[in-house]
Amino acid sequence: MSVIRISATTYQEVLECLKDQKKIQAIKKVRTDVKCGLREAKEAVERLAHESGINPAYPGAAKTGSKIVCGPIIRKMVLNFGHGDIELDIEGMQLKALMEMQVIGLDACRDILDLVDTLQAFSDGKRIGVLEESEDGEEV
């Protein structure tokens, strides 16, 4: 089964378009979010409309269309910068890392900001991965 992963925001917008009988707008939103072809987006939107019960007129789309899924949005995290647990959102995590830079150090601050960028990308529905470093410090 093929899967198209879109952001949670786009997913909600696509559902709203389908409820308002605006299938073309829904297809455009999927194409914009994932940069896929017209046919792939059309079949995926029809499958979503069929499976969600918004428009059951597309039974064939369940077989041919890709499944549209959205990743979770990370709203808050519990962190400990050495002074006990605190609950922060993504922006708060960035600010806290920058404010605590003198205590945690520049490298730790950079690592936290990289983590924030990764979490934000994941929440936006982008594919993320892990890079490994070789013994000489180059990324593989």
Protein backbone atom coordinates (compact mmCIF):
# COMPACT_ATOMS: atom_id res chain seq x y z
CA MET A 1 0.00 0.00 0.00
CA SER A 2 1.35 3.41 -0.99
CA VAL A 3 1.17 6.21 1.57
CA ILE A 4 1.21 10.00 1.17
CA ARG A 5 2.21 11.80 4.35
CA ILE A 6 0.96 15.36 4.71
CA SER A 7 1.09 17.86 7.56
CA ALA A 8 -1.76 17.82 10.06
CA THR A 9 -2.74 21.34 9.00
CA THR A 10 -3.02 20.31 5.35
CA TYR A 11 -4.94 17.18 6.36
CA GLN A 12 -7.57 19.30 8.13
CA GLU A 13 -7.74 21.69 5.17
CA VAL A 14 -8.23 18.78 2.75
CA LEU A 15 -11.04 17.36 4.88
CA GLU A 16 -12.71 20.79 5.00
CA CYS A 17 -12.44 21.13 1.21
CA LEU A 18 -14.00 17.70 0.77
CA LYS A 19 -16.84 18.52 3.16
CA ASP A 20 -17.47 21.72 1.16
CA GLN A 21 -17.50 19.71 -2.12
CA LYS A 22 -14.24 21.38 -3.29
CA LYS A 23 -12.34 18.34 -4.51
CA ILE A 24 -10.07 20.30 -6.87
CA GLN A 25 -8.89 22.55 -4.02
CA ALA A 26 -8.26 19.46 -1.89
CA ILE A 27 -6.15 17.95 -4.68
CA LYS A 28 -4.18 21.21 -5.02
CA LYS A 29 -3.47 21.26 -1.28
CA VAL A 30 -2.14 17.69 -1.35
CA ARG A 31 0.02 18.43 -4.40
CA THR A 32 1.43 21.58 -2.81
CA ASP A 33 2.23 19.82 0.45
CA VAL A 34 3.94 16.71 -0.97
CA LYS A 35 4.92 17.72 -4.52
CA CYS A 36 3.24 14.69 -6.11
CA GLY A 37 1.62 14.25 -9.49
CA LEU A 38 -1.95 15.19 -10.35
CA ARG A 39 -3.18 11.62 -10.77
CA GLU A 40 -1.60 10.44 -7.51
CA ALA A 41 -3.11 13.36 -5.58
CA LYS A 42 -6.54 12.91 -7.21
CA GLU A 43 -6.71 9.20 -6.41
CA ALA A 44 -5.46 9.79 -2.85
CA VAL A 45 -8.06 12.51 -2.23
CA GLU A 46 -10.80 10.29 -3.63
CA ARG A 47 -9.66 7.46 -1.37
CA LEU A 48 -9.72 9.79 1.65
CA ALA A 49 -13.21 11.02 0.70
CA HIS A 50 -14.41 7.43 0.38
CA GLU A 51 -12.77 6.09 3.57
CA SER A 52 -13.82 9.06 5.71
CA GLY A 53 -17.43 8.74 4.55
CA ILE A 54 -17.53 12.27 3.17
CA ASN A 55 -18.19 11.00 -0.34
CA PRO A 56 -18.60 7.23 -0.70
CA ALA A 57 -18.83 7.55 -4.50
CA TYR A 58 -15.20 6.47 -4.98
CA PRO A 59 -15.04 2.76 -4.04
CA GLY A 60 -12.36 2.06 -6.66
CA ALA A 61 -10.07 4.70 -5.15
CA ALA A 62 -9.55 2.51 -2.08
CA LYS A 63 -7.72 0.03 -4.33
CA THR A 64 -5.78 2.41 -6.57
CA GLY A 65 -5.22 5.55 -4.52
CA SER A 66 -2.49 6.14 -1.98
CA LYS A 67 -3.54 6.41 1.64
CA ILE A 68 -3.25 9.94 3.04
CA VAL A 69 -1.86 10.06 6.56
CA CYS A 70 -0.64 12.87 8.74
CA GLY A 71 1.98 12.77 11.42
CA PRO A 72 1.46 13.97 14.93
CA ILE A 73 2.06 17.58 15.81
CA ILE A 74 4.40 17.98 18.74
CA ARG A 75 2.74 20.54 20.99
CA LYS A 76 4.73 20.31 24.22
CA MET A 77 7.66 18.44 25.67
CA VAL A 78 8.93 17.91 29.20
CA LEU A 79 12.60 18.89 29.46
CA ASN A 80 15.17 19.13 32.20
CA PHE A 81 18.00 21.64 31.86
CA GLY A 82 19.41 20.62 35.24
CA HIS A 83 16.87 22.52 37.35
CA GLY A 84 13.98 20.04 37.28
CA ASP A 85 11.29 19.22 34.74
CA ILE A 86 9.68 22.00 32.75
CA GLU A 87 7.02 21.73 30.06
CA LEU A 88 7.73 23.72 26.90
CA ASP A 89 6.36 24.06 23.41
CA ILE A 90 8.71 24.03 20.41
CA GLU A 91 9.30 27.80 20.45
CA GLY A 92 9.76 27.78 24.22
CA MET A 93 12.34 25.04 23.82
CA GLN A 94 14.34 27.24 21.45
CA LEU A 95 14.14 30.24 23.76
CA LYS A 96 15.07 28.21 26.83
CA ALA A 97 18.09 26.71 25.07
CA LEU A 98 19.28 30.16 24.03
CA MET A 99 18.71 31.61 27.53
CA GLU A 100 20.55 28.69 29.15
CA MET A 101 23.44 28.75 26.66
CA GLN A 102 25.94 29.99 29.27
CA VAL A 103 24.98 27.15 31.60
CA ILE A 104 24.63 24.28 29.10
CA GLY A 105 27.32 25.39 26.67
CA LEU A 106 27.37 26.28 23.01
CA ASP A 107 27.52 22.69 21.72
CA ALA A 108 24.52 21.57 23.81
CA CYS A 109 22.60 24.66 22.73
CA ARG A 110 23.33 23.88 19.07
CA ASP A 111 22.22 20.27 19.59
CA ILE A 112 18.94 21.40 21.17
CA LEU A 113 18.27 23.86 18.34
CA ASP A 114 18.98 21.09 15.81
CA LEU A 115 16.52 18.87 17.70
CA VAL A 116 13.90 21.63 17.59
CA ASP A 117 14.36 21.93 13.81
CA THR A 118 13.99 18.14 13.48
CA LEU A 119 10.86 18.04 15.65
CA GLN A 120 9.33 20.91 13.69
CA ALA A 121 10.07 19.17 10.39
CA PHE A 122 8.46 15.98 11.73
CA SER A 123 5.38 17.92 12.85
CA ASP A 124 5.19 19.49 9.39
CA GLY A 125 4.99 16.01 7.85
CA LYS A 126 8.49 15.95 6.42
CA ARG A 127 10.56 12.81 6.38
CA ILE A 128 13.45 12.88 8.82
CA GLY A 129 16.41 10.56 9.27
CA VAL A 130 19.59 9.99 11.21
CA LEU A 131 23.03 10.83 9.87
CA GLU A 132 25.98 8.90 11.15
CA GLU A 133 29.48 10.26 11.45
CA SER A 134 32.53 8.32 10.35
CA GLU A 135 35.62 8.04 12.52
CA ASP A 136 37.14 11.11 10.85
CA GLY A 137 34.06 13.21 11.74
CA GLU A 138 32.49 13.36 8.28
CA GLU A 139 28.79 12.64 7.87
CA VAL A 140 27.99 9.39 6.11
